[in-house]
Amino acid sequence: MYFTISNPDQTRIDLIGVRTDRASIKTLHKTETDAQGATRMSTSPNLRIEAGESLVLAPCGLHIMLLDLEIPLVEGETLPSRLKFYGGNDLTVHVPILAPDATGPMP
């Protein structure tokens, strides 16, 4: 899942998970390239968003990985998801489902 999260608060926030009914496994991931040019994905326990900043989740970077889809993703629909933040706060989002070769949200 790719999107941008903004933190208008005066303190940092930590995204610690996501829930959606469409996949049985949902993990926070980061993609990194080492000095030799090898690219690797790994799970991350949290994604930190500093006060007044935004965090971009995008291909080849930070993202939410969905595995074992229980309901197929259909282009043009939205994926209802609940973002879980440290401290118990949740945020419900509806992420647009785009074609695999899409370069950004549909107008």
Protein backbone atom coordinates (compact mmCIF):
# COMPACT_ATOMS: atom_id res chain seq x y z
CA MET A 1 0.00 0.00 0.00
CA TYR A 2 1.29 3.42 -0.94
CA PHE A 3 0.11 6.77 0.38
CA THR A 4 1.29 9.84 2.31
CA ILE A 5 0.67 10.37 6.03
CA SER A 6 0.94 13.89 7.46
CA ASN A 7 1.47 14.66 11.13
CA PRO A 8 0.16 18.14 12.00
CA ASP A 9 0.76 17.56 15.73
CA GLN A 10 3.54 19.01 17.90
CA THR A 11 4.88 15.54 18.78
CA ARG A 12 6.07 12.63 16.69
CA ILE A 13 3.79 9.69 15.98
CA ASP A 14 4.62 6.07 15.23
CA LEU A 15 2.62 3.93 12.82
CA ILE A 16 2.81 0.42 14.30
CA GLY A 17 0.43 -1.57 12.12
CA VAL A 18 -2.49 -1.74 9.75
CA ARG A 19 -5.69 -3.75 9.64
CA THR A 20 -7.75 -4.65 6.61
CA ASP A 21 -10.22 -7.45 5.97
CA ARG A 22 -8.74 -8.19 2.56
CA ALA A 23 -5.42 -9.74 3.63
CA SER A 24 -4.46 -12.08 6.45
CA ILE A 25 -0.91 -10.70 6.71
CA LYS A 26 -0.18 -6.95 6.84
CA THR A 27 3.34 -5.72 7.59
CA LEU A 28 5.25 -2.45 7.53
CA HIS A 29 8.15 -2.73 5.09
CA LYS A 30 11.14 -0.75 3.93
CA THR A 31 13.24 -1.21 0.82
CA GLU A 32 16.93 -0.35 1.05
CA THR A 33 19.86 -0.53 -1.34
CA ASP A 34 23.28 -1.32 0.09
CA ALA A 35 26.68 0.01 -1.02
CA GLN A 36 27.05 -2.85 -3.53
CA GLY A 37 23.72 -1.97 -5.18
CA ALA A 38 21.77 -4.94 -3.80
CA THR A 39 18.18 -4.05 -2.93
CA ARG A 40 16.44 -5.75 -0.02
CA MET A 41 13.05 -5.49 1.62
CA SER A 42 12.66 -5.97 5.35
CA THR A 43 9.93 -5.58 7.92
CA SER A 44 9.93 -2.56 10.19
CA PRO A 45 8.38 -2.52 13.68
CA ASN A 46 7.16 1.05 13.19
CA LEU A 47 7.25 3.98 10.80
CA ARG A 48 7.99 7.26 12.59
CA ILE A 49 6.45 10.56 11.48
CA GLU A 50 8.07 13.58 13.09
CA ALA A 51 6.03 16.55 14.29
CA GLY A 52 4.85 18.72 11.41
CA GLU A 53 6.26 16.30 8.82
CA SER A 54 4.85 13.89 6.25
CA LEU A 55 5.88 10.34 5.49
CA VAL A 56 5.59 9.05 1.92
CA LEU A 57 4.94 5.35 1.38
CA ALA A 58 5.93 4.58 -2.21
CA PRO A 59 7.41 1.87 -4.47
CA CYS A 60 11.08 1.10 -3.71
CA GLY A 61 10.78 2.72 -0.27
CA LEU A 62 8.54 2.50 2.76
CA HIS A 63 5.27 0.65 2.19
CA ILE A 64 2.68 -1.67 3.70
CA MET A 65 2.90 -5.22 2.39
CA LEU A 66 -0.32 -7.21 2.05
CA LEU A 67 0.04 -11.00 1.80
CA ASP A 68 -2.44 -13.86 1.55
CA LEU A 69 -5.21 -11.79 0.02
CA GLU A 70 -8.57 -13.13 1.10
CA ILE A 71 -10.57 -10.85 -1.22
CA PRO A 72 -9.13 -9.84 -4.61
CA LEU A 73 -8.13 -6.22 -5.15
CA VAL A 74 -10.13 -4.67 -7.99
CA GLU A 75 -8.82 -1.64 -9.86
CA GLY A 76 -11.05 1.39 -9.30
CA GLU A 77 -12.26 0.27 -5.87
CA THR A 78 -10.86 1.45 -2.56
CA LEU A 79 -9.20 -0.60 0.16
CA PRO A 80 -10.65 0.30 3.58
CA SER A 81 -7.88 0.06 6.16
CA ARG A 82 -7.28 1.07 9.73
CA LEU A 83 -3.87 2.51 10.57
CA LYS A 84 -2.72 1.70 14.11
CA PHE A 85 -0.55 4.22 15.95
CA TYR A 86 1.47 3.85 19.16
CA GLY A 87 -0.65 5.10 22.05
CA GLY A 88 -3.86 3.52 20.81
CA ASN A 89 -4.93 6.00 18.16
CA ASP A 90 -6.39 4.61 14.94
CA LEU A 91 -7.08 6.28 11.63
CA THR A 92 -9.41 4.78 9.01
CA VAL A 93 -8.33 5.38 5.42
CA HIS A 94 -9.72 4.33 2.05
CA VAL A 95 -6.78 3.71 -0.27
CA PRO A 96 -7.56 3.74 -4.04
CA ILE A 97 -6.74 0.48 -5.81
CA LEU A 98 -4.72 1.31 -8.93
CA ALA A 99 -3.43 -0.76 -11.83
CA PRO A 100 -0.02 -2.41 -11.19
CA ASP A 101 1.65 -0.05 -13.67
CA ALA A 102 -0.01 3.13 -12.34
CA THR A 103 2.28 6.06 -11.53
CA GLY A 104 -0.06 7.88 -9.16
CA PRO A 105 -3.64 8.36 -8.05
CA MET A 106 -6.36 8.63 -10.63
CA PRO A 107 -7.78 12.14 -11.13
